[in-house]
Amino acid sequence: MTVIPTLQTERLILRPPVMEDWPDYHALMISDRALYMGGPHSTKAAWGMFCHDVALWALMGHGALMMEDRATGQCLGQVGINHGPLFPEKELGWFVYPQAEGKGYAYEAAVALRDWAFAVRGLTTLVSYIAPPNVRSIRLAERLGAVPDATAARQEGDADDLVFRHPAP
């Protein structure tokens, strides 16, 4: 059984999801803010996604971690490595809740999880699937050093997504 890691950055604790995270996760996924993640989603779909994020750890050895503010304990969003039948490649993904936007939390969390994936899991590449109108995520992928990969496979039903490839250090 894979042990889900807890990672720390200067401002964040990246920790496994817990049931107390569900209400904020659910609120985001059923809102228009989930538009670039295939949403808004139904409660049933959001629950399946939440469970998927946890199950990936047992099935694939990676998954989602919640971003918790080290100073306040407030959950700010999520960073994760997605894979399985819905993802052609291992995907580094992120989202932040509205109160955490624009403060660099997603970047800080993505760097920590990406570095963990390369150093501990031995991955050699990751991709990020991003909807073309999602300019903030495109800028973040570029800030992380990812470059567009026009030849990469897309997720089923998301043929228009851009694929950004994160090279190993």
Protein backbone atom coordinates (compact mmCIF):
# COMPACT_ATOMS: atom_id res chain seq x y z
CA MET A 1 0.00 0.00 0.00
CA THR A 2 1.32 3.41 -0.97
CA VAL A 3 1.83 5.84 1.86
CA ILE A 4 0.40 9.22 0.88
CA PRO A 5 3.12 11.79 1.51
CA THR A 6 2.81 15.07 3.32
CA LEU A 7 5.02 17.71 1.71
CA GLN A 8 5.90 21.11 3.11
CA THR A 9 6.85 24.33 1.41
CA GLU A 10 7.59 27.73 2.86
CA ARG A 11 3.87 28.57 3.23
CA LEU A 12 2.03 25.30 2.62
CA ILE A 13 1.45 21.82 3.91
CA LEU A 14 0.47 19.50 1.06
CA ARG A 15 -1.52 16.73 2.71
CA PRO A 16 -3.94 13.93 1.86
CA PRO A 17 -7.58 14.89 1.31
CA VAL A 18 -9.95 14.35 4.26
CA MET A 19 -13.73 14.48 4.48
CA GLU A 20 -13.57 17.98 5.94
CA ASP A 21 -12.26 19.09 2.52
CA TRP A 22 -15.39 17.89 0.71
CA PRO A 23 -17.69 20.92 1.24
CA ASP A 24 -15.27 23.44 -0.35
CA TYR A 25 -14.26 20.96 -3.08
CA HIS A 26 -17.93 20.30 -3.84
CA ALA A 27 -18.78 24.01 -3.93
CA LEU A 28 -16.00 24.65 -6.45
CA MET A 29 -16.86 21.70 -8.68
CA ILE A 30 -20.58 22.55 -8.98
CA SER A 31 -19.83 26.23 -9.70
CA ASP A 32 -18.91 28.06 -12.88
CA ARG A 33 -15.34 28.17 -11.56
CA ALA A 34 -15.07 24.51 -12.65
CA LEU A 35 -15.68 25.47 -16.28
CA TYR A 36 -12.07 24.77 -17.30
CA MET A 37 -12.23 21.38 -15.54
CA GLY A 38 -15.19 20.11 -17.55
CA GLY A 39 -17.76 21.62 -15.17
CA PRO A 40 -19.86 22.75 -13.62
CA HIS A 41 -20.33 19.19 -12.37
CA SER A 42 -23.20 17.47 -10.64
CA THR A 43 -22.78 16.52 -7.00
CA LYS A 44 -22.50 12.89 -8.09
CA ALA A 45 -19.70 13.69 -10.56
CA ALA A 46 -17.90 15.90 -8.04
CA TRP A 47 -18.01 13.10 -5.46
CA GLY A 48 -16.57 10.68 -8.01
CA MET A 49 -13.75 13.11 -8.76
CA PHE A 50 -13.01 13.60 -5.06
CA CYS A 51 -12.85 9.83 -4.55
CA HIS A 52 -10.73 9.44 -7.70
CA ASP A 53 -8.20 11.90 -6.28
CA VAL A 54 -7.81 9.72 -3.17
CA ALA A 55 -8.00 6.34 -4.94
CA LEU A 56 -5.15 7.19 -7.29
CA TRP A 57 -2.71 6.87 -4.39
CA ALA A 58 -3.57 3.20 -3.88
CA LEU A 59 -3.91 2.43 -7.58
CA MET A 60 -1.07 4.46 -9.13
CA GLY A 61 1.24 5.58 -6.30
CA HIS A 62 0.35 9.23 -6.81
CA GLY A 63 -2.75 11.38 -6.59
CA ALA A 64 -4.02 14.62 -5.11
CA LEU A 65 -2.84 16.60 -2.12
CA MET A 66 -4.70 19.47 -0.53
CA MET A 67 -2.92 22.82 -0.10
CA GLU A 68 -3.15 23.90 3.52
CA ASP A 69 -1.92 27.26 4.77
CA ARG A 70 0.80 26.51 7.35
CA ALA A 71 -0.06 29.61 9.37
CA THR A 72 -3.86 29.29 9.52
CA GLY A 73 -4.64 25.65 8.69
CA GLN A 74 -7.09 26.82 6.01
CA CYS A 75 -7.42 24.60 2.94
CA LEU A 76 -6.59 26.70 -0.12
CA GLY A 77 -7.03 24.24 -3.00
CA GLN A 78 -5.48 21.14 -4.48
CA VAL A 79 -2.50 19.97 -6.49
CA GLY A 80 -2.30 16.49 -7.94
CA ILE A 81 -0.93 13.99 -10.39
CA ASN A 82 -3.73 12.43 -12.39
CA HIS A 83 -3.50 9.26 -14.43
CA GLY A 84 -5.50 6.20 -15.33
CA PRO A 85 -7.88 5.51 -18.18
CA LEU A 86 -9.04 9.14 -18.37
CA PHE A 87 -5.54 10.58 -18.79
CA PRO A 88 -3.19 9.51 -21.62
CA GLU A 89 -0.19 10.63 -19.56
CA LYS A 90 0.48 11.56 -15.96
CA GLU A 91 -0.92 15.05 -15.51
CA LEU A 92 0.20 17.70 -13.04
CA GLY A 93 -2.93 19.67 -12.20
CA TRP A 94 -3.98 22.30 -9.69
CA PHE A 95 -6.77 24.54 -8.54
CA VAL A 96 -7.16 27.11 -5.80
CA TYR A 97 -10.27 28.29 -4.02
CA PRO A 98 -11.37 31.89 -4.72
CA GLN A 99 -9.85 33.36 -1.55
CA ALA A 100 -6.42 31.91 -2.49
CA GLU A 101 -6.19 33.11 -6.09
CA GLY A 102 -3.31 35.27 -7.23
CA LYS A 103 -1.04 34.60 -4.26
CA GLY A 104 1.35 32.06 -5.78
CA TYR A 105 0.01 29.05 -3.86
CA ALA A 106 -0.61 26.93 -6.96
CA TYR A 107 2.93 27.58 -8.20
CA GLU A 108 4.46 26.74 -4.83
CA ALA A 109 2.43 23.54 -4.54
CA ALA A 110 3.01 22.46 -8.15
CA VAL A 111 6.79 22.88 -7.82
CA ALA A 112 6.81 20.77 -4.65
CA LEU A 113 4.69 17.95 -6.09
CA ARG A 114 6.50 18.00 -9.43
CA ASP A 115 9.87 17.77 -7.71
CA TRP A 116 8.56 14.93 -5.50
CA ALA A 117 7.28 13.08 -8.58
CA PHE A 118 10.64 13.29 -10.32
CA ALA A 119 12.84 12.61 -7.28
CA VAL A 120 10.77 10.07 -5.34
CA ARG A 121 8.51 8.42 -7.94
CA GLY A 122 11.16 8.53 -10.68
CA LEU A 123 8.89 10.10 -13.29
CA THR A 124 10.69 11.55 -16.30
CA THR A 125 7.91 13.85 -17.54
CA LEU A 126 4.52 15.23 -16.64
CA VAL A 127 1.97 17.11 -18.71
CA SER A 128 -0.73 19.62 -17.88
CA TYR A 129 -3.95 19.58 -19.92
CA ILE A 130 -5.30 23.13 -20.09
CA ALA A 131 -8.37 24.58 -21.80
CA PRO A 132 -7.25 27.34 -24.20
CA PRO A 133 -9.26 30.12 -22.48
CA ASN A 134 -7.66 29.30 -19.10
CA VAL A 135 -4.98 31.96 -19.40
CA ARG A 136 -4.01 31.85 -15.70
CA SER A 137 -3.20 28.13 -15.86
CA ILE A 138 -1.33 28.58 -19.13
CA ARG A 139 0.83 31.26 -17.51
CA LEU A 140 1.41 29.04 -14.49
CA ALA A 141 2.46 26.09 -16.67
CA GLU A 142 4.91 28.37 -18.49
CA ARG A 143 6.23 29.72 -15.18
CA LEU A 144 6.82 26.11 -14.12
CA GLY A 145 8.99 25.65 -17.24
CA ALA A 146 6.46 23.58 -19.19
CA VAL A 147 6.33 23.98 -22.95
CA PRO A 148 3.49 23.32 -25.41
CA ASP A 149 3.50 19.83 -26.93
CA ALA A 150 1.24 19.84 -29.99
CA THR A 151 1.87 16.13 -30.66
CA ALA A 152 0.81 14.84 -27.22
CA ALA A 153 -2.35 12.78 -26.85
CA ARG A 154 -5.37 14.58 -25.41
CA GLN A 155 -7.95 13.34 -22.96
CA GLU A 156 -11.07 11.84 -24.52
CA GLY A 157 -13.61 14.58 -25.06
CA ASP A 158 -11.04 17.35 -24.59
CA ALA A 159 -9.41 17.40 -28.02
CA ASP A 160 -9.08 21.20 -27.92
CA ASP A 161 -7.04 21.23 -24.69
CA LEU A 162 -3.49 22.48 -24.86
CA VAL A 163 -0.86 20.11 -23.54
CA PHE A 164 2.10 21.56 -21.67
CA ARG A 165 5.04 19.23 -21.03
CA HIS A 166 7.04 19.56 -17.81
CA PRO A 167 10.59 18.30 -18.39
CA ALA A 168 12.41 16.48 -15.63
CA PRO A 169 15.06 18.52 -13.84
